[in-house]
PDB file of all heavy atoms in Angstrom:
ATOM      1  N   ALA A   1      39.493 -14.563 -16.804  1.00  0.00           N
ATOM      2  CA  ALA A   1      38.383 -15.060 -17.180  1.00  0.00           C
ATOM      3  C   ALA A   1      38.442 -15.809 -18.433  1.00  0.00           C
ATOM      4  O   ALA A   1      37.964 -16.983 -18.644  1.00  0.00           O
ATOM      5  CB  ALA A   1      37.248 -13.997 -17.306  1.00  0.00           C
ATOM      6  N   ALA A   2      39.268 -15.214 -19.499  1.00  0.00           N
ATOM      7  CA  ALA A   2      39.498 -15.805 -20.830  1.00  0.00           C
ATOM      8  C   ALA A   2      40.301 -17.108 -20.600  1.00  0.00           C
ATOM      9  O   ALA A   2      39.883 -18.169 -21.242  1.00  0.00           O
ATOM     10  CB  ALA A   2      40.253 -14.789 -21.525  1.00  0.00           C
ATOM     11  N   LEU A   3      41.292 -17.257 -19.760  1.00  0.00           N
ATOM     12  CA  LEU A   3      42.056 -18.493 -19.516  1.00  0.00           C
ATOM     13  C   LEU A   3      41.253 -19.467 -18.740  1.00  0.00           C
ATOM     14  O   LEU A   3      41.433 -20.636 -19.091  1.00  0.00           O
ATOM     15  CB  LEU A   3      43.369 -18.015 -18.661  1.00  0.00           C
ATOM     16  CG  LEU A   3      44.328 -17.248 -19.480  1.00  0.00           C
ATOM     17  CD1 LEU A   3      45.524 -16.738 -18.552  1.00  0.00           C
ATOM     18  CD2 LEU A   3      45.046 -18.029 -20.509  1.00  0.00           C
ATOM     19  N   ALA A   4      40.353 -19.183 -17.792  1.00  0.00           N
ATOM     20  CA  ALA A   4      39.429 -20.022 -17.220  1.00  0.00           C
ATOM     21  C   ALA A   4      38.581 -20.802 -18.343  1.00  0.00           C
ATOM     22  O   ALA A   4      38.348 -21.991 -18.254  1.00  0.00           O
ATOM     23  CB  ALA A   4      38.573 -19.471 -16.201  1.00  0.00           C
ATOM     24  N   LEU A   5      38.066 -20.024 -19.297  1.00  0.00           N
ATOM     25  CA  LEU A   5      37.260 -20.443 -20.380  1.00  0.00           C
ATOM     26  C   LEU A   5      38.209 -21.415 -21.196  1.00  0.00           C
ATOM     27  O   LEU A   5      37.587 -22.564 -21.598  1.00  0.00           O
ATOM     28  CB  LEU A   5      36.638 -19.295 -21.140  1.00  0.00           C
ATOM     29  CG  LEU A   5      35.508 -18.485 -20.547  1.00  0.00           C
ATOM     30  CD1 LEU A   5      35.172 -17.287 -21.304  1.00  0.00           C
ATOM     31  CD2 LEU A   5      34.250 -19.460 -20.403  1.00  0.00           C
ATOM     32  N   LEU A   6      39.409 -20.966 -21.507  1.00  0.00           N
ATOM     33  CA  LEU A   6      40.187 -21.938 -22.431  1.00  0.00           C
ATOM     34  C   LEU A   6      40.471 -23.206 -21.657  1.00  0.00           C
ATOM     35  O   LEU A   6      40.361 -24.326 -22.360  1.00  0.00           O
ATOM     36  CB  LEU A   6      41.477 -21.093 -22.682  1.00  0.00           C
ATOM     37  CG  LEU A   6      42.649 -21.863 -23.490  1.00  0.00           C
ATOM     38  CD1 LEU A   6      42.093 -22.269 -24.921  1.00  0.00           C
ATOM     39  CD2 LEU A   6      43.870 -21.009 -23.682  1.00  0.00           C
ATOM     40  N   VAL A   7      40.795 -23.236 -20.444  1.00  0.00           N
ATOM     41  CA  VAL A   7      41.072 -24.493 -19.716  1.00  0.00           C
ATOM     42  C   VAL A   7      39.624 -25.307 -19.784  1.00  0.00           C
ATOM     43  O   VAL A   7      39.630 -26.488 -19.985  1.00  0.00           O
ATOM     44  CB  VAL A   7      41.373 -24.299 -18.304  1.00  0.00           C
ATOM     45  CG1 VAL A   7      41.601 -25.648 -17.550  1.00  0.00           C
ATOM     46  CG2 VAL A   7      42.880 -23.533 -18.222  1.00  0.00           C
ATOM     47  N   TYR A   8      38.621 -24.651 -19.614  1.00  0.00           N
ATOM     48  CA  TYR A   8      37.241 -25.378 -19.623  1.00  0.00           C
ATOM     49  C   TYR A   8      36.951 -25.978 -21.000  1.00  0.00           C
ATOM     50  O   TYR A   8      36.641 -27.187 -21.125  1.00  0.00           O
ATOM     51  CB  TYR A   8      36.285 -24.324 -19.258  1.00  0.00           C
ATOM     52  CG  TYR A   8      34.845 -24.864 -19.128  1.00  0.00           C
ATOM     53  CD1 TYR A   8      34.565 -25.945 -18.464  1.00  0.00           C
ATOM     54  CD2 TYR A   8      33.734 -24.186 -19.870  1.00  0.00           C
ATOM     55  CE1 TYR A   8      33.080 -26.423 -18.417  1.00  0.00           C
ATOM     56  CE2 TYR A   8      32.397 -24.744 -19.714  1.00  0.00           C
ATOM     57  CZ  TYR A   8      32.199 -25.750 -19.029  1.00  0.00           C
ATOM     58  OH  TYR A   8      30.837 -26.263 -19.023  1.00  0.00           O
ATOM     59  N   GLU A   9      37.421 -25.141 -22.064  1.00  0.00           N
ATOM     60  CA  GLU A   9      37.043 -25.760 -23.374  1.00  0.00           C
ATOM     61  C   GLU A   9      38.042 -26.976 -23.628  1.00  0.00           C
ATOM     62  O   GLU A   9      37.606 -28.026 -24.169  1.00  0.00           O
ATOM     63  CB  GLU A   9      37.423 -24.568 -24.430  1.00  0.00           C
ATOM     64  CG  GLU A   9      37.239 -25.046 -25.826  1.00  0.00           C
ATOM     65  CD  GLU A   9      38.571 -24.973 -26.656  1.00  0.00           C
ATOM     66  OE1 GLU A   9      39.539 -24.666 -26.176  1.00  0.00           O
ATOM     67  OE2 GLU A   9      38.373 -25.170 -27.914  1.00  0.00           O
ATOM     68  N   GLN A  10      39.355 -26.825 -23.113  1.00  0.00           N
ATOM     69  CA  GLN A  10      40.202 -28.010 -23.380  1.00  0.00           C
ATOM     70  C   GLN A  10      39.744 -29.147 -22.626  1.00  0.00           C
ATOM     71  O   GLN A  10      39.958 -30.327 -23.035  1.00  0.00           O
ATOM     72  CB  GLN A  10      41.557 -27.546 -23.046  1.00  0.00           C
ATOM     73  CG  GLN A  10      42.153 -26.539 -23.959  1.00  0.00           C
ATOM     74  CD  GLN A  10      42.410 -27.060 -25.400  1.00  0.00           C
ATOM     75  OE1 GLN A  10      42.859 -28.219 -25.615  1.00  0.00           O
ATOM     76  NE2 GLN A  10      42.028 -26.414 -26.369  1.00  0.00           N
ATOM     77  N   PHE A  11      39.198 -29.005 -21.441  1.00  0.00           N
ATOM     78  CA  PHE A  11      38.824 -30.097 -20.466  1.00  0.00           C
ATOM     79  C   PHE A  11      37.596 -30.772 -21.196  1.00  0.00           C
ATOM     80  O   PHE A  11      37.487 -32.030 -21.116  1.00  0.00           O
ATOM     81  CB  PHE A  11      38.375 -29.594 -19.163  1.00  0.00           C
ATOM     82  CG  PHE A  11      37.741 -30.518 -18.264  1.00  0.00           C
ATOM     83  CD1 PHE A  11      38.382 -31.461 -17.533  1.00  0.00           C
ATOM     84  CD2 PHE A  11      36.359 -30.709 -18.225  1.00  0.00           C
ATOM     85  CE1 PHE A  11      37.936 -32.424 -16.641  1.00  0.00           C
ATOM     86  CE2 PHE A  11      35.697 -31.645 -17.345  1.00  0.00           C
ATOM     87  CZ  PHE A  11      36.503 -32.528 -16.647  1.00  0.00           C
ATOM     88  N   LEU A  12      36.722 -29.968 -21.736  1.00  0.00           N
ATOM     89  CA  LEU A  12      35.536 -30.605 -22.485  1.00  0.00           C
ATOM     90  C   LEU A  12      36.101 -31.462 -23.662  1.00  0.00           C
ATOM     91  O   LEU A  12      35.568 -32.490 -23.920  1.00  0.00           O
ATOM     92  CB  LEU A  12      34.548 -29.487 -23.061  1.00  0.00           C
ATOM     93  CG  LEU A  12      33.910 -28.672 -21.947  1.00  0.00           C
ATOM     94  CD1 LEU A  12      33.100 -27.498 -22.674  1.00  0.00           C
ATOM     95  CD2 LEU A  12      32.798 -29.540 -21.176  1.00  0.00           C
ATOM     96  N   LYS A  13      37.096 -30.859 -24.408  1.00  0.00           N
ATOM     97  CA  LYS A  13      37.653 -31.624 -25.532  1.00  0.00           C
ATOM     98  C   LYS A  13      38.224 -32.990 -25.119  1.00  0.00           C
ATOM     99  O   LYS A  13      37.975 -33.949 -25.778  1.00  0.00           O
ATOM    100  CB  LYS A  13      38.779 -30.700 -26.087  1.00  0.00           C
ATOM    101  CG  LYS A  13      39.059 -30.990 -27.513  1.00  0.00           C
ATOM    102  CD  LYS A  13      40.146 -29.910 -27.933  1.00  0.00           C
ATOM    103  CE  LYS A  13      40.761 -30.150 -29.286  1.00  0.00           C
ATOM    104  NZ  LYS A  13      41.710 -29.019 -29.631  1.00  0.00           N
ATOM    105  N   ILE A  14      38.966 -32.939 -23.932  1.00  0.00           N
ATOM    106  CA  ILE A  14      39.459 -34.186 -23.484  1.00  0.00           C
ATOM    107  C   ILE A  14      38.345 -35.261 -23.162  1.00  0.00           C
ATOM    108  O   ILE A  14      38.493 -36.458 -23.405  1.00  0.00           O
ATOM    109  CB  ILE A  14      40.350 -33.978 -22.203  1.00  0.00           C
ATOM    110  CG1 ILE A  14      41.574 -33.197 -22.580  1.00  0.00           C
ATOM    111  CG2 ILE A  14      40.680 -35.231 -21.481  1.00  0.00           C
ATOM    112  CD1 ILE A  14      42.406 -32.645 -21.544  1.00  0.00           C
ATOM    113  N   LYS A  15      37.240 -34.587 -22.713  1.00  0.00           N
ATOM    114  CA  LYS A  15      36.062 -35.450 -22.449  1.00  0.00           C
ATOM    115  C   LYS A  15      35.148 -35.815 -23.644  1.00  0.00           C
ATOM    116  O   LYS A  15      34.042 -36.440 -23.473  1.00  0.00           O
ATOM    117  CB  LYS A  15      35.073 -34.800 -21.403  1.00  0.00           C
ATOM    118  CG  LYS A  15      35.761 -34.530 -20.027  1.00  0.00           C
ATOM    119  CD  LYS A  15      35.488 -35.798 -19.199  1.00  0.00           C
ATOM    120  CE  LYS A  15      35.954 -35.746 -17.688  1.00  0.00           C
ATOM    121  NZ  LYS A  15      36.011 -37.003 -17.118  1.00  0.00           N
ATOM    122  N   ASN A  16      35.650 -35.391 -24.760  1.00  0.00           N
ATOM    123  CA  ASN A  16      34.870 -35.623 -26.121  1.00  0.00           C
ATOM    124  C   ASN A  16      33.453 -34.934 -26.151  1.00  0.00           C
ATOM    125  O   ASN A  16      32.512 -35.471 -26.630  1.00  0.00           O
ATOM    126  CB  ASN A  16      34.731 -37.089 -26.397  1.00  0.00           C
ATOM    127  CG  ASN A  16      36.002 -37.637 -26.756  1.00  0.00           C
ATOM    128  OD1 ASN A  16      36.727 -37.104 -27.469  1.00  0.00           O
ATOM    129  ND2 ASN A  16      36.238 -38.928 -26.298  1.00  0.00           N
ATOM    130  N   LEU A  17      33.480 -33.767 -25.441  1.00  0.00           N
ATOM    131  CA  LEU A  17      32.327 -32.949 -25.410  1.00  0.00           C
ATOM    132  C   LEU A  17      32.439 -31.697 -26.226  1.00  0.00           C
ATOM    133  O   LEU A  17      33.626 -31.251 -26.439  1.00  0.00           O
ATOM    134  CB  LEU A  17      31.877 -32.543 -23.970  1.00  0.00           C
ATOM    135  CG  LEU A  17      31.648 -33.667 -23.093  1.00  0.00           C
ATOM    136  CD1 LEU A  17      31.687 -33.266 -21.561  1.00  0.00           C
ATOM    137  CD2 LEU A  17      30.263 -34.340 -23.331  1.00  0.00           C
ATOM    138  N   LYS A  18      31.407 -31.164 -26.782  1.00  0.00           N
ATOM    139  CA  LYS A  18      31.482 -30.035 -27.746  1.00  0.00           C
ATOM    140  C   LYS A  18      31.483 -28.765 -27.002  1.00  0.00           C
ATOM    141  O   LYS A  18      30.434 -28.373 -26.330  1.00  0.00           O
ATOM    142  CB  LYS A  18      30.450 -30.107 -28.792  1.00  0.00           C
ATOM    143  CG  LYS A  18      30.629 -31.253 -29.871  1.00  0.00           C
ATOM    144  CD  LYS A  18      29.672 -31.091 -30.991  1.00  0.00           C
ATOM    145  CE  LYS A  18      29.883 -31.931 -32.158  1.00  0.00           C
ATOM    146  NZ  LYS A  18      29.574 -33.394 -31.747  1.00  0.00           N
ATOM    147  N   TRP A  19      32.389 -27.839 -27.273  1.00  0.00           N
ATOM    148  CA  TRP A  19      32.511 -26.429 -26.715  1.00  0.00           C
ATOM    149  C   TRP A  19      31.214 -25.639 -26.962  1.00  0.00           C
ATOM    150  O   TRP A  19      30.706 -24.978 -26.095  1.00  0.00           O
ATOM    151  CB  TRP A  19      33.784 -25.870 -27.237  1.00  0.00           C
ATOM    152  CG  TRP A  19      33.866 -24.301 -26.823  1.00  0.00           C
ATOM    153  CD1 TRP A  19      34.150 -23.423 -27.816  1.00  0.00           C
ATOM    154  CD2 TRP A  19      33.945 -23.647 -25.687  1.00  0.00           C
ATOM    155  NE1 TRP A  19      34.281 -22.104 -27.302  1.00  0.00           N
ATOM    156  CE2 TRP A  19      34.128 -22.362 -25.821  1.00  0.00           C
ATOM    157  CE3 TRP A  19      33.667 -24.131 -24.216  1.00  0.00           C
ATOM    158  CZ2 TRP A  19      34.049 -21.405 -24.775  1.00  0.00           C
ATOM    159  CZ3 TRP A  19      33.579 -23.104 -23.254  1.00  0.00           C
ATOM    160  CH2 TRP A  19      33.832 -21.807 -23.501  1.00  0.00           C
ATOM    161  N   GLN A  20      30.793 -25.820 -28.126  1.00  0.00           N
ATOM    162  CA  GLN A  20      29.634 -25.061 -28.713  1.00  0.00           C
ATOM    163  C   GLN A  20      28.332 -25.335 -27.889  1.00  0.00           C
ATOM    164  O   GLN A  20      27.580 -24.412 -27.517  1.00  0.00           O
ATOM    165  CB  GLN A  20      29.184 -25.366 -30.080  1.00  0.00           C
ATOM    166  CG  GLN A  20      30.155 -25.116 -31.141  1.00  0.00           C
ATOM    167  CD  GLN A  20      30.985 -26.199 -31.343  1.00  0.00           C
ATOM    168  OE1 GLN A  20      31.947 -26.600 -30.498  1.00  0.00           O
ATOM    169  NE2 GLN A  20      30.891 -27.036 -32.480  1.00  0.00           N
ATOM    170  N   ASP A  21      28.227 -26.586 -27.280  1.00  0.00           N
ATOM    171  CA  ASP A  21      27.120 -26.882 -26.443  1.00  0.00           C
ATOM    172  C   ASP A  21      27.090 -26.295 -25.052  1.00  0.00           C
ATOM    173  O   ASP A  21      26.175 -26.210 -24.396  1.00  0.00           O
ATOM    174  CB  ASP A  21      27.082 -28.508 -26.301  1.00  0.00           C
ATOM    175  CG  ASP A  21      26.808 -29.187 -27.733  1.00  0.00           C
ATOM    176  OD1 ASP A  21      26.503 -28.476 -28.618  1.00  0.00           O
ATOM    177  OD2 ASP A  21      27.055 -30.375 -27.744  1.00  0.00           O
ATOM    178  N   TYR A  22      28.245 -25.794 -24.675  1.00  0.00           N
ATOM    179  CA  TYR A  22      28.501 -25.396 -23.281  1.00  0.00           C
ATOM    180  C   TYR A  22      28.788 -23.874 -23.204  1.00  0.00           C
ATOM    181  O   TYR A  22      28.721 -23.367 -22.181  1.00  0.00           O
ATOM    182  CB  TYR A  22      29.568 -26.125 -22.556  1.00  0.00           C
ATOM    183  CG  TYR A  22      29.366 -27.676 -22.386  1.00  0.00           C
ATOM    184  CD1 TYR A  22      29.444 -28.533 -23.252  1.00  0.00           C
ATOM    185  CD2 TYR A  22      28.924 -27.986 -21.009  1.00  0.00           C
ATOM    186  CE1 TYR A  22      29.058 -29.785 -22.997  1.00  0.00           C
ATOM    187  CE2 TYR A  22      28.701 -29.288 -20.706  1.00  0.00           C
ATOM    188  CZ  TYR A  22      28.773 -30.183 -21.729  1.00  0.00           C
ATOM    189  OH  TYR A  22      28.435 -31.555 -21.516  1.00  0.00           O
ATOM    190  N   ARG A  23      29.127 -23.312 -24.423  1.00  0.00           N
ATOM    191  CA  ARG A  23      29.693 -21.941 -24.384  1.00  0.00           C
ATOM    192  C   ARG A  23      28.800 -20.878 -23.759  1.00  0.00           C
ATOM    193  O   ARG A  23      29.295 -20.135 -22.936  1.00  0.00           O
ATOM    194  CB  ARG A  23      30.186 -21.485 -25.840  1.00  0.00           C
ATOM    195  CG  ARG A  23      30.826 -20.150 -25.834  1.00  0.00           C
ATOM    196  CD  ARG A  23      31.347 -19.988 -27.198  1.00  0.00           C
ATOM    197  NE  ARG A  23      30.338 -19.868 -28.289  1.00  0.00           N
ATOM    198  CZ  ARG A  23      30.454 -19.966 -29.527  1.00  0.00           C
ATOM    199  NH1 ARG A  23      31.584 -20.168 -30.003  1.00  0.00           N
ATOM    200  NH2 ARG A  23      29.463 -20.007 -30.431  1.00  0.00           N
ATOM    201  N   GLU A  24      27.493 -20.884 -24.251  1.00  0.00           N
ATOM    202  CA  GLU A  24      26.588 -19.876 -23.774  1.00  0.00           C
ATOM    203  C   GLU A  24      26.369 -19.876 -22.263  1.00  0.00           C
ATOM    204  O   GLU A  24      26.454 -18.902 -21.553  1.00  0.00           O
ATOM    205  CB  GLU A  24      25.144 -19.917 -24.337  1.00  0.00           C
ATOM    206  CG  GLU A  24      25.195 -19.557 -25.880  1.00  0.00           C
ATOM    207  CD  GLU A  24      25.962 -18.198 -26.192  1.00  0.00           C
ATOM    208  OE1 GLU A  24      25.587 -17.231 -25.455  1.00  0.00           O
ATOM    209  OE2 GLU A  24      26.914 -18.159 -26.927  1.00  0.00           O
ATOM    210  N   ASN A  25      26.194 -21.073 -21.831  1.00  0.00           N
ATOM    211  CA  ASN A  25      25.998 -21.268 -20.310  1.00  0.00           C
ATOM    212  C   ASN A  25      27.209 -20.880 -19.507  1.00  0.00           C
ATOM    213  O   ASN A  25      27.153 -20.181 -18.373  1.00  0.00           O
ATOM    214  CB  ASN A  25      25.642 -22.706 -19.996  1.00  0.00           C
ATOM    215  CG  ASN A  25      25.224 -22.900 -18.611  1.00  0.00           C
ATOM    216  OD1 ASN A  25      24.458 -22.068 -18.042  1.00  0.00           O
ATOM    217  ND2 ASN A  25      25.543 -23.984 -17.955  1.00  0.00           N
ATOM    218  N   ALA A  26      28.366 -21.227 -19.961  1.00  0.00           N
ATOM    219  CA  ALA A  26      29.718 -20.840 -19.547  1.00  0.00           C
ATOM    220  C   ALA A  26      29.766 -19.328 -19.304  1.00  0.00           C
ATOM    221  O   ALA A  26      30.256 -18.798 -18.193  1.00  0.00           O
ATOM    222  CB  ALA A  26      30.911 -21.328 -20.266  1.00  0.00           C
ATOM    223  N   LEU A  27      29.548 -18.546 -20.441  1.00  0.00           N
ATOM    224  CA  LEU A  27      29.561 -17.100 -20.298  1.00  0.00           C
ATOM    225  C   LEU A  27      28.587 -16.491 -19.211  1.00  0.00           C
ATOM    226  O   LEU A  27      28.921 -15.611 -18.565  1.00  0.00           O
ATOM    227  CB  LEU A  27      29.187 -16.397 -21.688  1.00  0.00           C
ATOM    228  CG  LEU A  27      30.310 -16.662 -22.712  1.00  0.00           C
ATOM    229  CD1 LEU A  27      29.819 -16.277 -24.088  1.00  0.00           C
ATOM    230  CD2 LEU A  27      31.529 -15.963 -22.358  1.00  0.00           C
ATOM    231  N   LYS A  28      27.482 -17.059 -19.173  1.00  0.00           N
ATOM    232  CA  LYS A  28      26.479 -16.586 -18.115  1.00  0.00           C
ATOM    233  C   LYS A  28      26.923 -16.898 -16.737  1.00  0.00           C
ATOM    234  O   LYS A  28      26.883 -15.997 -15.981  1.00  0.00           O
ATOM    235  CB  LYS A  28      25.123 -17.494 -18.294  1.00  0.00           C
ATOM    236  CG  LYS A  28      24.074 -16.784 -19.213  1.00  0.00           C
ATOM    237  CD  LYS A  28      22.643 -17.519 -19.059  1.00  0.00           C
ATOM    238  CE  LYS A  28      22.024 -17.257 -20.365  1.00  0.00           C
ATOM    239  NZ  LYS A  28      21.052 -18.408 -20.799  1.00  0.00           N
ATOM    240  N   ARG A  29      27.409 -18.047 -16.491  1.00  0.00           N
ATOM    241  CA  ARG A  29      27.960 -18.413 -15.140  1.00  0.00           C
ATOM    242  C   ARG A  29      29.196 -17.538 -14.776  1.00  0.00           C
ATOM    243  O   ARG A  29      29.180 -17.014 -13.668  1.00  0.00           O
ATOM    244  CB  ARG A  29      28.546 -19.787 -15.374  1.00  0.00           C
ATOM    245  CG  ARG A  29      28.099 -20.661 -14.227  1.00  0.00           C
ATOM    246  CD  ARG A  29      28.548 -22.033 -14.219  1.00  0.00           C
ATOM    247  NE  ARG A  29      27.410 -22.972 -14.318  1.00  0.00           N
ATOM    248  CZ  ARG A  29      27.459 -24.265 -14.122  1.00  0.00           C
ATOM    249  NH1 ARG A  29      28.556 -24.876 -14.056  1.00  0.00           N
ATOM    250  NH2 ARG A  29      26.286 -24.994 -14.025  1.00  0.00           N
ATOM    251  N   LEU A  30      30.051 -17.329 -15.800  1.00  0.00           N
ATOM    252  CA  LEU A  30      31.270 -16.452 -15.476  1.00  0.00           C
ATOM    253  C   LEU A  30      30.992 -15.001 -15.298  1.00  0.00           C
ATOM    254  O   LEU A  30      31.545 -14.421 -14.327  1.00  0.00           O
ATOM    255  CB  LEU A  30      32.223 -16.567 -16.753  1.00  0.00           C
ATOM    256  CG  LEU A  30      33.805 -16.309 -16.413  1.00  0.00           C
ATOM    257  CD1 LEU A  30      34.251 -17.145 -15.270  1.00  0.00           C
ATOM    258  CD2 LEU A  30      34.565 -16.718 -17.696  1.00  0.00           C
ATOM    259  N   ASN A  31      30.011 -14.494 -15.939  1.00  0.00           N
ATOM    260  CA  ASN A  31      29.607 -13.175 -15.695  1.00  0.00           C
ATOM    261  C   ASN A  31      28.912 -12.879 -14.406  1.00  0.00           C
ATOM    262  O   ASN A  31      28.771 -11.697 -13.889  1.00  0.00           O
ATOM    263  CB  ASN A  31      28.684 -12.494 -16.872  1.00  0.00           C
ATOM    264  CG  ASN A  31      29.570 -12.259 -18.123  1.00  0.00           C
ATOM    265  OD1 ASN A  31      30.652 -11.828 -17.897  1.00  0.00           O
ATOM    266  ND2 ASN A  31      28.853 -12.446 -19.344  1.00  0.00           N
ATOM    267  N   ALA A  32      28.417 -13.968 -13.767  1.00  0.00           N
ATOM    268  CA  ALA A  32      27.801 -13.838 -12.501  1.00  0.00           C
ATOM    269  C   ALA A  32      28.880 -13.911 -11.374  1.00  0.00           C
ATOM    270  O   ALA A  32      28.627 -13.745 -10.198  1.00  0.00           O
ATOM    271  CB  ALA A  32      26.687 -14.898 -12.309  1.00  0.00           C
ATOM    272  N   PHE A  33      30.143 -14.231 -11.694  1.00  0.00           N
ATOM    273  CA  PHE A  33      31.315 -14.382 -10.777  1.00  0.00           C
ATOM    274  C   PHE A  33      31.564 -13.022 -10.158  1.00  0.00           C
ATOM    275  O   PHE A  33      31.741 -12.043 -10.717  1.00  0.00           O
ATOM    276  CB  PHE A  33      32.539 -14.891 -11.445  1.00  0.00           C
ATOM    277  CG  PHE A  33      33.701 -15.173 -10.667  1.00  0.00           C
ATOM    278  CD1 PHE A  33      33.730 -16.362  -9.922  1.00  0.00           C
ATOM    279  CD2 PHE A  33      34.621 -14.204 -10.489  1.00  0.00           C
ATOM    280  CE1 PHE A  33      34.875 -16.611  -9.025  1.00  0.00           C
ATOM    281  CE2 PHE A  33      35.715 -14.526  -9.548  1.00  0.00           C
ATOM    282  CZ  PHE A  33      35.839 -15.550  -9.009  1.00  0.00           C
ATOM    283  N   LYS A  34      31.749 -13.100  -8.893  1.00  0.00           N
ATOM    284  CA  LYS A  34      32.020 -11.897  -8.048  1.00  0.00           C
ATOM    285  C   LYS A  34      33.591 -11.904  -7.713  1.00  0.00           C
ATOM    286  O   LYS A  34      34.020 -12.965  -7.086  1.00  0.00           O
ATOM    287  CB  LYS A  34      31.263 -11.797  -6.766  1.00  0.00           C
ATOM    288  CG  LYS A  34      29.710 -11.594  -6.889  1.00  0.00           C
ATOM    289  CD  LYS A  34      29.446 -10.213  -7.236  1.00  0.00           C
ATOM    290  CE  LYS A  34      27.914  -9.885  -7.451  1.00  0.00           C
ATOM    291  NZ  LYS A  34      27.534 -10.359  -8.736  1.00  0.00           N
ATOM    292  N   ILE A  35      34.349 -10.932  -8.126  1.00  0.00           N
ATOM    293  CA  ILE A  35      35.789 -10.852  -7.819  1.00  0.00           C
ATOM    294  C   ILE A  35      35.920 -10.752  -6.362  1.00  0.00           C
ATOM    295  O   ILE A  35      35.134 -10.071  -5.548  1.00  0.00           O
ATOM    296  CB  ILE A  35      36.306  -9.595  -8.464  1.00  0.00           C
ATOM    297  CG1 ILE A  35      36.262  -9.641  -9.991  1.00  0.00           C
ATOM    298  CG2 ILE A  35      37.810  -9.468  -8.057  1.00  0.00           C
ATOM    299  CD1 ILE A  35      36.938 -10.674 -10.718  1.00  0.00           C
ATOM    300  N   GLY A  36      36.855 -11.519  -5.686  1.00  0.00           N
ATOM    301  CA  GLY A  36      36.966 -11.574  -4.091  1.00  0.00           C
ATOM    302  C   GLY A  36      37.386 -10.116  -3.773  1.00  0.00           C
ATOM    303  O   GLY A  36      37.801  -9.232  -4.467  1.00  0.00           O
ATOM    304  N   SER A  37      37.189 -10.032  -2.306  1.00  0.00           N
ATOM    305  CA  SER A  37      37.539  -8.735  -1.743  1.00  0.00           C
ATOM    306  C   SER A  37      39.019  -8.441  -1.826  1.00  0.00           C
ATOM    307  O   SER A  37      39.782  -9.547  -1.936  1.00  0.00           O
ATOM    308  CB  SER A  37      37.004  -8.792  -0.224  1.00  0.00           C
ATOM    309  OG  SER A  37      37.287  -9.817   0.410  1.00  0.00           O
ATOM    310  N   HIS A  38      39.389  -7.287  -1.694  1.00  0.00           N
ATOM    311  CA  HIS A  38      40.864  -6.778  -1.686  1.00  0.00           C
ATOM    312  C   HIS A  38      41.550  -6.866  -3.027  1.00  0.00           C
ATOM    313  O   HIS A  38      42.807  -6.813  -3.030  1.00  0.00           O
ATOM    314  CB  HIS A  38      41.632  -7.532  -0.488  1.00  0.00           C
ATOM    315  CG  HIS A  38      40.947  -7.670   0.860  1.00  0.00           C
ATOM    316  ND1 HIS A  38      40.511  -6.349   1.402  1.00  0.00           N
ATOM    317  CD2 HIS A  38      40.429  -8.521   1.535  1.00  0.00           C
ATOM    318  CE1 HIS A  38      39.807  -6.803   2.586  1.00  0.00           C
ATOM    319  NE2 HIS A  38      39.840  -8.193   2.550  1.00  0.00           N
ATOM    320  N   LYS A  39      40.776  -7.118  -4.045  1.00  0.00           N
ATOM    321  CA  LYS A  39      41.416  -7.202  -5.328  1.00  0.00           C
ATOM    322  C   LYS A  39      40.563  -6.015  -6.262  1.00  0.00           C
ATOM    323  O   LYS A  39      39.492  -6.241  -6.654  1.00  0.00           O
ATOM    324  CB  LYS A  39      40.989  -8.544  -6.024  1.00  0.00           C
ATOM    325  CG  LYS A  39      41.681  -9.699  -5.438  1.00  0.00           C
ATOM    326  CD  LYS A  39      41.472 -10.922  -6.325  1.00  0.00           C
ATOM    327  CE  LYS A  39      41.241 -12.047  -5.421  1.00  0.00           C
ATOM    328  NZ  LYS A  39      40.760 -13.266  -6.129  1.00  0.00           N
ATOM    329  N   MET A  40      41.316  -4.972  -6.426  1.00  0.00           N
ATOM    330  CA  MET A  40      40.673  -3.790  -7.018  1.00  0.00           C
ATOM    331  C   MET A  40      39.303  -3.490  -6.674  1.00  0.00           C
ATOM    332  O   MET A  40      38.378  -3.259  -7.502  1.00  0.00           O
ATOM    333  CB  MET A  40      40.720  -4.078  -8.563  1.00  0.00           C
ATOM    334  CG  MET A  40      42.212  -4.042  -9.135  1.00  0.00           C
ATOM    335  SD  MET A  40      43.084  -2.480  -8.915  1.00  0.00           S
ATOM    336  CE  MET A  40      42.144  -1.509 -10.328  1.00  0.00           C
ATOM    337  N   GLU A  41      39.086  -3.614  -5.355  1.00  0.00           N
ATOM    338  CA  GLU A  41      37.668  -3.418  -4.769  1.00  0.00           C
ATOM    339  C   GLU A  41      37.412  -1.840  -4.668  1.00  0.00           C
ATOM    340  O   GLU A  41      38.032  -1.243  -3.756  1.00  0.00           O
ATOM    341  CB  GLU A  41      37.536  -4.084  -3.480  1.00  0.00           C
ATOM    342  CG  GLU A  41      36.147  -4.313  -2.976  1.00  0.00           C
ATOM    343  CD  GLU A  41      36.158  -5.080  -1.560  1.00  0.00           C
ATOM    344  OE1 GLU A  41      37.265  -5.728  -1.373  1.00  0.00           O
ATOM    345  OE2 GLU A  41      35.207  -5.013  -0.943  1.00  0.00           O
ATOM    346  N   GLU A  42      36.487  -1.236  -5.415  1.00  0.00           N
ATOM    347  CA  GLU A  42      36.283   0.055  -5.216  1.00  0.00           C
ATOM    348  C   GLU A  42      35.098   0.438  -4.219  1.00  0.00           C
ATOM    349  O   GLU A  42      34.230  -0.245  -4.163  1.00  0.00           O
ATOM    350  CB  GLU A  42      35.705   0.589  -6.667  1.00  0.00           C
ATOM    351  CG  GLU A  42      36.788   0.464  -7.792  1.00  0.00           C
ATOM    352  CD  GLU A  42      36.363   0.955  -9.144  1.00  0.00           C
ATOM    353  OE1 GLU A  42      35.180   1.564  -9.291  1.00  0.00           O
ATOM    354  OE2 GLU A  42      37.137   0.849 -10.109  1.00  0.00           O
ATOM    355  N   PHE A  43      35.376   1.576  -3.431  1.00  0.00           N
ATOM    356  CA  PHE A  43      34.369   1.925  -2.635  1.00  0.00           C
ATOM    357  C   PHE A  43      34.553   3.572  -2.457  1.00  0.00           C
ATOM    358  O   PHE A  43      35.539   4.086  -2.725  1.00  0.00           O
ATOM    359  CB  PHE A  43      34.444   1.250  -1.186  1.00  0.00           C
ATOM    360  CG  PHE A  43      35.800   1.385  -0.463  1.00  0.00           C
ATOM    361  CD1 PHE A  43      35.829   2.343   0.669  1.00  0.00           C
ATOM    362  CD2 PHE A  43      36.969   0.945  -0.696  1.00  0.00           C
ATOM    363  CE1 PHE A  43      36.939   2.566   1.302  1.00  0.00           C
ATOM    364  CE2 PHE A  43      38.059   1.098  -0.040  1.00  0.00           C
ATOM    365  CZ  PHE A  43      38.153   1.875   1.000  1.00  0.00           C
TER     366      PHE A  43
END
């Protein structure tokens, strides 16, 4: 998750967009992400 955010931040930088303007929304979006099945899936 941290690396996905870092790439996102760098992509915004290349596009001349400000990370601060996108950060909160990015965290919300990422926290809603569901880890795929068969990866540390508890039952």
